[in-house]
Amino acid sequence: MLKKQKKVKKIRAKKETKLPIQMKKTEQAENKLLDDLINLTQGLSYTSETDAEIKPFIGKKAASLTQEEVLKQTKTAGEAMVAELTAADFFSTLTEIQDWFGEEETQIAQKFARLKEFLEQNLKYLKVFKIGQKELDVYILGLDAENTLAGVKTQSVET
């Protein structure tokens, strides 16, 4: 019985090595991007009228970064209200260190600055999409080197 298990493992290993090299590179790049986003967003929240966790978002390949593509990949109804912002506008108040900041506020602003820098360096066409009314889903997205829609998401309450 033990010999049969070894054979099965060898066969599986052979099948895995037959995957196209390009596919492996793409999966490795997406996993690296996801791991980096998880690390950068850990413990980070977006404050509006509520505090909402910031989470990584990895979608599918996209020809371009449009509202329609974002709605499709986020499985949001096509008639939803969408506001588009630049990443610079979105992050401007989150990364600005004020004179009155204590150590905790300074660390949070620095963490947002690191996230912004990472997104700008690793994603092209970076944009912010606020979807909905009052209770919004917020996506900070771009396309990675393989044209996969990626970035982070959070929620906002704006009344």
Protein backbone atom coordinates (compact mmCIF):
# COMPACT_ATOMS: atom_id res chain seq x y z
CA MET A 1 0.00 0.00 0.00
CA LEU A 2 2.83 2.37 0.82
CA LYS A 3 4.41 1.83 -2.60
CA LYS A 4 1.14 2.82 -4.32
CA GLN A 5 1.02 6.08 -2.37
CA LYS A 6 4.54 6.94 -3.48
CA LYS A 7 3.61 6.31 -7.10
CA VAL A 8 0.58 8.59 -6.79
CA LYS A 9 2.74 11.35 -5.37
CA LYS A 10 5.24 10.97 -8.19
CA ILE A 11 2.48 11.15 -10.81
CA ARG A 12 1.02 14.27 -9.21
CA ALA A 13 4.43 15.89 -9.11
CA LYS A 14 4.91 15.18 -12.82
CA LYS A 15 1.52 16.70 -13.68
CA GLU A 16 2.37 19.88 -11.75
CA THR A 17 5.64 20.32 -13.60
CA LYS A 18 3.81 20.22 -16.95
CA LEU A 19 2.06 23.54 -16.27
CA PRO A 20 3.20 26.27 -18.63
CA ILE A 21 6.05 28.35 -17.23
CA GLN A 22 4.11 31.58 -17.91
CA MET A 23 1.21 30.33 -15.81
CA LYS A 24 3.51 29.61 -12.88
CA LYS A 25 5.09 33.06 -13.08
CA THR A 26 1.65 34.73 -13.17
CA GLU A 27 0.42 32.76 -10.16
CA GLN A 28 3.63 33.51 -8.24
CA ALA A 29 3.35 37.22 -9.03
CA GLU A 30 -0.31 37.32 -7.93
CA ASN A 31 0.49 35.43 -4.73
CA LYS A 32 3.40 37.79 -3.97
CA LEU A 33 1.17 40.81 -4.62
CA LEU A 34 -1.54 39.37 -2.39
CA ASP A 35 0.95 38.55 0.38
CA ASP A 36 2.38 42.08 0.23
CA LEU A 37 -1.11 43.62 0.32
CA ILE A 38 -2.09 41.46 3.30
CA ASN A 39 1.00 42.65 5.18
CA LEU A 40 0.48 46.30 4.28
CA THR A 41 -3.22 46.36 5.23
CA GLN A 42 -2.99 44.32 8.41
CA GLY A 43 -4.63 46.31 11.19
CA LEU A 44 -5.36 49.25 8.88
CA SER A 45 -8.85 50.75 8.77
CA TYR A 46 -10.51 53.57 6.88
CA THR A 47 -12.41 56.04 9.01
CA SER A 48 -15.53 57.79 7.77
CA GLU A 49 -18.72 57.83 9.80
CA THR A 50 -17.64 54.30 10.67
CA ASP A 51 -14.35 52.43 10.78
CA ALA A 52 -13.93 49.79 8.09
CA GLU A 53 -11.14 47.31 7.60
CA ILE A 54 -8.97 47.69 4.51
CA LYS A 55 -8.60 44.39 2.66
CA PRO A 56 -6.66 43.21 -0.39
CA PHE A 57 -8.54 42.77 -3.66
CA ILE A 58 -7.31 40.56 -6.51
CA GLY A 59 -9.65 40.29 -9.47
CA LYS A 60 -9.26 38.89 -12.95
CA LYS A 61 -7.48 40.03 -16.07
CA ALA A 62 -8.90 43.21 -17.58
CA ALA A 63 -8.37 44.96 -20.90
CA SER A 64 -8.59 48.34 -19.16
CA LEU A 65 -9.52 49.95 -15.87
CA THR A 66 -13.03 51.28 -16.37
CA GLN A 67 -16.08 51.72 -14.17
CA GLU A 68 -17.83 48.98 -16.13
CA GLU A 69 -14.95 46.55 -15.57
CA VAL A 70 -14.83 47.33 -11.85
CA LEU A 71 -18.60 46.87 -11.49
CA LYS A 72 -18.38 43.55 -13.34
CA GLN A 73 -15.47 42.20 -11.30
CA THR A 74 -16.88 43.37 -7.97
CA LYS A 75 -20.26 41.86 -8.89
CA THR A 76 -22.03 45.18 -8.39
CA ALA A 77 -25.22 46.07 -10.26
CA GLY A 78 -24.55 48.04 -13.44
CA GLU A 79 -26.85 50.89 -12.41
CA ALA A 80 -24.95 51.57 -9.17
CA MET A 81 -23.66 55.10 -8.58
CA VAL A 82 -19.89 55.29 -9.11
CA ALA A 83 -17.61 58.18 -8.19
CA GLU A 84 -14.05 58.08 -9.49
CA LEU A 85 -11.13 59.78 -7.70
CA THR A 86 -7.40 59.86 -8.11
CA ALA A 87 -5.33 57.88 -5.64
CA ALA A 88 -3.53 61.11 -4.70
CA ASP A 89 -6.84 62.73 -3.70
CA PHE A 90 -7.93 59.69 -1.70
CA PHE A 91 -4.66 59.31 0.20
CA SER A 92 -3.91 63.03 0.71
CA THR A 93 -5.56 63.39 4.12
CA LEU A 94 -4.70 59.83 5.16
CA THR A 95 -0.95 60.29 4.71
CA GLU A 96 -0.57 63.87 5.94
CA ILE A 97 1.04 64.03 9.38
CA GLN A 98 -0.41 66.82 11.52
CA ASP A 99 1.40 68.73 14.30
CA TRP A 100 -1.06 67.44 16.89
CA PHE A 101 -0.61 63.74 15.98
CA GLY A 102 0.49 61.39 18.70
CA GLU A 103 2.63 58.32 18.06
CA GLU A 104 -0.35 56.13 17.06
CA GLU A 105 -1.76 58.63 14.53
CA THR A 106 1.70 59.16 13.04
CA GLN A 107 2.18 55.40 12.63
CA ILE A 108 -1.20 55.06 10.91
CA ALA A 109 -0.39 57.90 8.49
CA GLN A 110 2.99 56.29 7.75
CA LYS A 111 1.29 52.95 7.13
CA PHE A 112 -1.12 54.60 4.67
CA ALA A 113 1.88 56.25 2.97
CA ARG A 114 3.59 52.86 2.57
CA LEU A 115 0.37 51.37 1.13
CA LYS A 116 0.01 54.27 -1.32
CA GLU A 117 3.63 53.96 -2.43
CA PHE A 118 3.31 50.20 -2.89
CA LEU A 119 0.14 50.54 -4.97
CA GLU A 120 1.72 53.25 -7.14
CA GLN A 121 4.85 51.17 -7.73
CA ASN A 122 3.07 47.88 -8.47
CA LEU A 123 -0.13 48.89 -10.27
CA LYS A 124 -0.65 50.99 -13.37
CA TYR A 125 -3.64 53.29 -13.95
CA LEU A 126 -4.33 53.48 -10.20
CA LYS A 127 -7.80 54.90 -9.45
CA VAL A 128 -10.32 55.01 -6.62
CA PHE A 129 -13.91 53.89 -7.21
CA LYS A 130 -16.60 54.73 -4.65
CA ILE A 131 -19.64 52.61 -5.41
CA GLY A 132 -23.09 53.23 -3.96
CA GLN A 133 -24.85 55.96 -2.01
CA LYS A 134 -24.38 56.70 1.70
CA GLU A 135 -22.97 53.23 2.42
CA LEU A 136 -20.18 52.95 -0.14
CA ASP A 137 -17.85 50.21 -1.24
CA VAL A 138 -14.47 51.83 -1.90
CA TYR A 139 -11.92 50.21 -4.22
CA ILE A 140 -8.40 51.53 -4.82
CA LEU A 141 -7.46 49.59 -7.94
CA GLY A 142 -5.05 49.34 -10.81
CA LEU A 143 -3.70 46.74 -13.19
CA ASP A 144 -0.67 44.66 -12.29
CA ALA A 145 2.07 43.61 -14.73
CA GLU A 146 -0.19 40.82 -16.05
CA ASN A 147 -3.18 43.20 -16.42
CA THR A 148 -4.98 41.67 -13.46
CA LEU A 149 -7.28 44.03 -11.57
CA ALA A 150 -5.81 44.41 -8.08
CA GLY A 151 -5.59 46.72 -5.11
CA VAL A 152 -7.51 47.17 -1.86
CA LYS A 153 -11.11 47.62 -0.80
CA THR A 154 -12.90 49.10 2.16
CA GLN A 155 -16.23 50.68 3.04
CA SER A 156 -17.33 54.19 3.84
CA VAL A 157 -20.46 55.77 5.28
CA GLU A 158 -21.10 59.27 3.91
CA THR A 159 -24.37 60.96 4.82
